[in-house]
C-alpha cells in the first residue's frame, strides 16, 4: 500500500498492490503474479486535481536464473 498526501492533489492518494511469488526448483525459477490498483487524477471545474477513476493492472512475470 502506498499513501501519499501531495500538495497538488485535493485528496490523499492511495495505491495498493497484491500478489504472490512461486519459487520453483530450488530458487532456479520464479513465477510472480500481481495486481495493482492506481488512481487517475484530473482537474475539476475549480482547477483542483481530484481522483476521477481507478485503473487496474495485472502483471505476470517469470524469472529464470542460469
C-alpha atoms as a PDB file:
ATOM      1  CA  UNK A   1       0.000   0.000   0.000  1.00  0.00           C
ATOM      2  CA  UNK A   2       1.206   3.483  -0.820  1.00  0.00           C
ATOM      3  CA  UNK A   3      -0.431   6.503   0.808  1.00  0.00           C
ATOM      4  CA  UNK A   4       0.584   9.975  -0.381  1.00  0.00           C
ATOM      5  CA  UNK A   5      -0.722  13.357   0.690  1.00  0.00           C
ATOM      6  CA  UNK A   6       0.596  15.635  -2.058  1.00  0.00           C
ATOM      7  CA  UNK A   7       0.156  19.405  -2.209  1.00  0.00           C
ATOM      8  CA  UNK A   8      -1.212  19.440  -5.782  1.00  0.00           C
ATOM      9  CA  UNK A   9      -3.972  16.915  -5.057  1.00  0.00           C
ATOM     10  CA  UNK A  10      -7.216  17.863  -3.325  1.00  0.00           C
ATOM     11  CA  UNK A  11      -7.428  14.464  -1.585  1.00  0.00           C
ATOM     12  CA  UNK A  12      -4.779  11.946  -0.449  1.00  0.00           C
ATOM     13  CA  UNK A  13      -3.727   9.290  -2.978  1.00  0.00           C
ATOM     14  CA  UNK A  14      -3.972   5.574  -2.186  1.00  0.00           C
ATOM     15  CA  UNK A  15      -2.386   2.908  -4.396  1.00  0.00           C
ATOM     16  CA  UNK A  16      -2.437  -0.763  -3.477  1.00  0.00           C
ATOM     17  CA  UNK A  17      -0.856  -3.894  -4.859  1.00  0.00           C
ATOM     18  CA  UNK A  18      -1.231  -7.585  -4.006  1.00  0.00           C
ATOM     19  CA  UNK A  19       0.255 -10.731  -5.454  1.00  0.00           C
ATOM     20  CA  UNK A  20       2.213 -13.887  -4.928  1.00  0.00           C
ATOM     21  CA  UNK A  21       5.534 -15.463  -5.884  1.00  0.00           C
ATOM     22  CA  UNK A  22       6.038 -19.147  -6.583  1.00  0.00           C
ATOM     23  CA  UNK A  23       9.662 -20.241  -6.256  1.00  0.00           C
ATOM     24  CA  UNK A  24      10.322 -23.284  -8.424  1.00  0.00           C
ATOM     25  CA  UNK A  25      13.158 -25.827  -8.482  1.00  0.00           C
ATOM     26  CA  UNK A  26      15.266 -24.555  -5.575  1.00  0.00           C
ATOM     27  CA  UNK A  27      15.330 -20.847  -6.462  1.00  0.00           C
ATOM     28  CA  UNK A  28      16.295 -21.520 -10.101  1.00  0.00           C
ATOM     29  CA  UNK A  29      12.997 -20.112 -11.350  1.00  0.00           C
ATOM     30  CA  UNK A  30      10.277 -17.815 -10.006  1.00  0.00           C
ATOM     31  CA  UNK A  31       6.768 -17.110 -11.239  1.00  0.00           C
ATOM     32  CA  UNK A  32       5.108 -13.890  -9.992  1.00  0.00           C
ATOM     33  CA  UNK A  33       1.541 -12.659 -10.358  1.00  0.00           C
ATOM     34  CA  UNK A  34       0.485  -9.206  -9.081  1.00  0.00           C
ATOM     35  CA  UNK A  35      -2.473  -6.860  -9.287  1.00  0.00           C
ATOM     36  CA  UNK A  36      -2.094  -3.109  -8.846  1.00  0.00           C
ATOM     37  CA  UNK A  37      -4.866  -0.510  -8.498  1.00  0.00           C
ATOM     38  CA  UNK A  38      -3.892   3.119  -9.090  1.00  0.00           C
ATOM     39  CA  UNK A  39      -5.963   6.299  -9.012  1.00  0.00           C
ATOM     40  CA  UNK A  40      -6.243   8.537 -12.070  1.00  0.00           C
ATOM     41  CA  UNK A  41      -6.458  12.275 -11.455  1.00  0.00           C
ATOM     42  CA  UNK A  42      -7.960  15.105 -13.469  1.00  0.00           C
ATOM     43  CA  UNK A  43      -8.846  18.728 -12.913  1.00  0.00           C
ATOM     44  CA  UNK A  44     -12.371  19.693 -11.872  1.00  0.00           C
ATOM     45  CA  UNK A  45     -14.157  22.956 -12.759  1.00  0.00           C
ATOM     46  CA  UNK A  46     -12.380  24.898  -9.995  1.00  0.00           C
ATOM     47  CA  UNK A  47      -8.937  23.716 -11.169  1.00  0.00           C
ATOM     48  CA  UNK A  48      -8.306  21.281  -8.296  1.00  0.00           C
ATOM     49  CA  UNK A  49      -6.743  17.899  -9.061  1.00  0.00           C
ATOM     50  CA  UNK A  50      -9.173  15.190  -7.925  1.00  0.00           C
ATOM     51  CA  UNK A  51      -9.416  11.445  -8.414  1.00  0.00           C
ATOM     52  CA  UNK A  52     -11.624  10.712 -11.411  1.00  0.00           C
ATOM     53  CA  UNK A  53     -11.338   6.910 -11.576  1.00  0.00           C
ATOM     54  CA  UNK A  54      -9.055   3.951 -10.815  1.00  0.00           C
ATOM     55  CA  UNK A  55      -7.083   1.803 -13.246  1.00  0.00           C
ATOM     56  CA  UNK A  56      -6.010  -1.757 -12.567  1.00  0.00           C
ATOM     57  CA  UNK A  57      -3.052  -3.650 -13.902  1.00  0.00           C
ATOM     58  CA  UNK A  58      -2.218  -7.376 -13.803  1.00  0.00           C
ATOM     59  CA  UNK A  59       1.442  -8.388 -14.049  1.00  0.00           C
ATOM     60  CA  UNK A  60       2.627 -11.934 -14.751  1.00  0.00           C
ATOM     61  CA  UNK A  61       6.378 -12.492 -14.888  1.00  0.00           C
ATOM     62  CA  UNK A  62       8.726 -15.436 -14.981  1.00  0.00           C
ATOM     63  CA  UNK A  63      12.338 -15.146 -13.819  1.00  0.00           C
ATOM     64  CA  UNK A  64      14.957 -17.774 -14.639  1.00  0.00           C
ATOM     65  CA  UNK A  65      18.395 -17.970 -13.053  1.00  0.00           C
ATOM     66  CA  UNK A  66      21.130 -19.648 -15.085  1.00  0.00           C
END
